[in-house]
Protein backbone atom coordinates (compact mmCIF):
# COMPACT_ATOMS: atom_id res chain seq x y z
CA MET A 1 53.33 -54.80 87.93
CA SER A 2 52.74 -53.29 84.48
CA VAL A 3 53.59 -56.64 82.88
CA ILE A 4 50.74 -58.26 84.81
CA LYS A 5 48.33 -55.50 83.72
CA ASN A 6 49.37 -55.89 80.09
CA LEU A 7 49.00 -59.66 80.30
CA ALA A 8 45.54 -59.25 81.85
CA LYS A 9 44.54 -56.94 78.98
CA ILE A 10 45.73 -59.49 76.42
CA ILE A 11 43.87 -62.34 78.12
CA LEU A 12 40.70 -60.25 78.42
CA GLY A 13 40.94 -59.32 74.75
CA ILE A 14 41.35 -62.95 73.69
CA LEU A 15 38.40 -64.00 75.87
CA LEU A 16 36.17 -61.28 74.38
CA VAL A 17 37.08 -62.34 70.83
CA ILE A 18 36.39 -66.00 71.64
CA ILE A 19 33.04 -65.12 73.25
CA ALA A 20 32.07 -62.99 70.24
CA PHE A 21 32.88 -65.83 67.84
CA TRP A 22 30.98 -68.29 70.01
CA ILE A 23 27.88 -66.07 70.01
CA ALA A 24 28.12 -65.56 66.24
CA ILE A 25 28.39 -69.31 65.64
CA THR A 26 25.74 -70.35 68.17
CA TYR A 27 23.18 -67.79 67.10
CA GLY A 28 23.43 -67.79 63.30
CA ASP A 29 21.34 -64.67 62.82
CA TRP A 30 23.82 -62.63 64.88
CA GLY A 31 26.68 -63.73 62.64
CA LYS A 32 24.80 -62.72 59.50
CA ALA A 33 23.83 -59.39 61.05
CA THR A 34 27.47 -58.78 61.96
CA ILE A 35 28.66 -59.49 58.42
CA ASP A 36 25.93 -57.20 57.03
CA LEU A 37 27.00 -54.43 59.41
CA ILE A 38 30.65 -54.78 58.39
CA GLN A 39 29.78 -54.73 54.70
CA GLY A 40 27.63 -51.64 55.16
CA GLY A 41 30.39 -49.97 57.13
CA ILE A 42 32.90 -50.63 54.36
CA ILE A 43 30.57 -49.08 51.77
CA LEU A 44 29.98 -46.03 53.97
CA ALA A 45 33.71 -45.63 54.60
CA ILE A 46 34.40 -45.68 50.85
CA ILE A 47 31.66 -43.11 50.25
CA PHE A 48 32.98 -40.79 52.96
CA ILE A 49 36.57 -41.10 51.72
CA GLY A 50 35.36 -40.25 48.22
CA LEU A 51 33.49 -37.21 49.54
CA ILE A 52 36.60 -36.05 51.41
CA PHE A 53 38.73 -36.32 48.26
CA PHE A 54 36.02 -34.49 46.28
CA MET A 55 35.93 -31.62 48.79
CA LEU A 56 39.73 -31.43 48.90
CA GLY A 57 39.83 -31.25 45.11
CA ILE A 58 37.29 -28.44 45.01
CA THR A 59 39.18 -26.48 47.67
CA ASP A 60 42.42 -26.89 45.73
CA LEU A 61 40.74 -25.60 42.57
CA LYS A 62 39.45 -22.52 44.44
CA ASN A 63 42.91 -21.76 45.83
CA ASP A 64 44.64 -21.84 42.42
């Protein structure tokens, strides 16, 4: 029974990806908005990772 559930999850996942691509292609503005969101997310992730390293460095300096 768990094999059927896992297969259903895989099929549902594939269908959702196909539907998302179809919407992005059909409605061009949605695709551009999605790319913009991903690019902004990458920039924010880099900024937050940099801030984490900065704070870790300051804490290490205080402990020494």
